[in-house]
Amino acid sequence: MMHAPTHHHPHDAGWIAQQFQQLPAVHHAVIAREYAQRFRTAGAHDGEKRRNANLYLLNLTEQTGVRGFTLSDDDIKRKAERLALQCRKTARLATAPAQAHAALLAMYESQGFDPAALGAYDSTGLIARLSDADFWRRQLTRQQDRQQEAFAIRLGIVRRGRGLYVSDAAFQTLQARIASSLKAMAALEAINEETGETVDMLTVLKGSVANPEVRRVELMVRMRGFENAATQAGHIGTFYTLTCPSKYHRFTVDKDTGKPADNPNYAGSTPRQAQAYLTALWARIRSKLKRDGLTAYGFRVAEPHHDGCPHWHMLLFAPPAQQAGVTAIIQHYALLEDGNEPGAAQYRFKAVAIDSSKGSATGYIAKYVSKNINGYGVDEDFEGGTDAADSAQRVRAWASHWGIRQFQQIGGAPVGVWRELRRLDTAPDGLLEQARQAADAGDWGAYLALQGGVCALRKDMPLKVYTVERINTDTGEVISNKYGEIVGKVDGVALADIQQVQTRLHVWRIQPKAKQPEQETPVHYVAGFDLLQSVLSSSSSGAAAPPWSPVNNCTATAGEVLP
């Protein structure tokens, strides 16, 4: 339903209606209010009011581009089917796979997508995907979601006091999708094909890193392990903050009121583009550190400013003799682009040496981890001026919406091996059993040492996961994905080429429950109510769920907390 502005020139009604049809319906009410406010501007004559209001509306419709981004779900479905059909025809008419590959990539790019995103697929895989309507539907839906959110940012409704981190429309959409996913999970169970044992899929989800509390605790254990390893090595920690140049920020801060104000330098970038800037920046820093033989390892947290623009916090450890060099390199590259703009030296880079006499390095970064997962132990989100447990949901929505990786380990051993080791009750004596015991005890530092230490290269680490082909137990045939590709599944941990230990001992099948749940998951957002956390919380005490999954033979006791 269109929300037309309450104040406008009567001759403009038809034109206004046409413009609104090109704009996302979820933002019509906001646009209508802004139009009416401009039309009522005090002190301006009628012609000037009319002109200002209409230019405002025209500017917004021009931002949507020639294709616009106001398709309904049914429209997207039909467009996906049309594009898939067109791709199938193109592939059939091509004289060679290479010709089909090039033509389909061009078609993908013509729809506003980056063809480099499909660079990992050979011609067979690419043709199969672009001939699939479901693939196109997912791509088009995500594209439109991001276009609409980028529009909301330009509109000025993503900020403190309005839509914190994400627009209210995007947040409501994600809440509804979470509710839909939880409802679907509640209707499924996993059955052990050997024993007939069944497990509710929500129980499986509860013990996985999809559970915010499990994810938070695991991250904290890994960070503590890095700190312990650094202490044993005599290394020291530094807490760095990297912020994007002014042109990536939709809002600045009014010096007089301290409130958000339009940033005249804003160039229209999205949070995803700002994250790409930071990622490229870190790639250059990392290359320089490697060239200079400098060590830096730890963790990175990406979190949003109130207007959605990301910034990074990094807790990095280094030998004392190298700390100054590491800091100088990070600072140099952080200010390389637009480093002379006002406030750059103050806001774009910050380094704080960790003083162990005043607290642990892990404790320093703990609040940033919690604030960006579930708000555990953090009373207030000062960036948003609201309760941290409430704003954490919007941070998760922000990361999900823009495809931003919130947490990244820098250096050290892979967590995949660690998680596989935690599935085991026992392992063959030697390095495998020592690593299993370290993982079982939640001793990330000991695990790092067994993998060669914090500075070891991944290729030189003795323990790695290994994969096997998936086999249909009824037919004995190798299972491929819907695009005809053989995709291996993790089966265990290997010690170099010497020994393997299987961590996934049973074959489980997911199936609908015989008796479907009668209650539907609520989808309406209520301030302070975290739907995902509420469903996945294990007990009133707030303890994390025991580590369990349908392919886990772990014998964790009830109430055990996953490190």
Foldseek 3Di string as FASTA:
>chain_A
DADAAPDADPVCVVVSVVLSVLAARVCRVVLSVVLNCLCPDPPDDNVNSRVVSVVVSVVLSVLLPPVGQHDDLVRLLVVLQVQLVVLVVLCVPDPDLVSSQVVLLVVVVVVVDDSVVVVVDDSLLSSLQRNDSVNSSVVSVLVSLQSNFLSCLLVPQQFFPGNFLTHPVLLLVVLQVVLVVVQVQQQKWKAFPVPRDIGRSLLQCQQDCVQLVQVLVLLLLLQVLVLVLLVVVQKFKKKKKAFAPLQCDQWDADPVPRDTDGRPNHPSDALLVLLVVVVVLVVVLVVVCVVVVWDWWGKKFWFAQRSNRIMIITIIIGHPVCVVVSQVSSVCSQLVPVNVPPCNVPPRMDMDTDDVVVHGSSVVCSQVSLLQRQLPPPQADVSNGGGSRQCNSVRVSSCVSSVNDGMDTGFFEDCVQLVLLCLDPADPPDLSRQLSVCSVVSNSNSNRVSQPHRHDDHVSGQKDWDWDFDADPVPRDTDDPPSRHTDTDTFFMGGHPPDTDGFQDTDMDMDGDPDRDPDRQDSDDDGPDDSSNVSSQDDPVRARAHNDHPRGNHDDDGRDHND
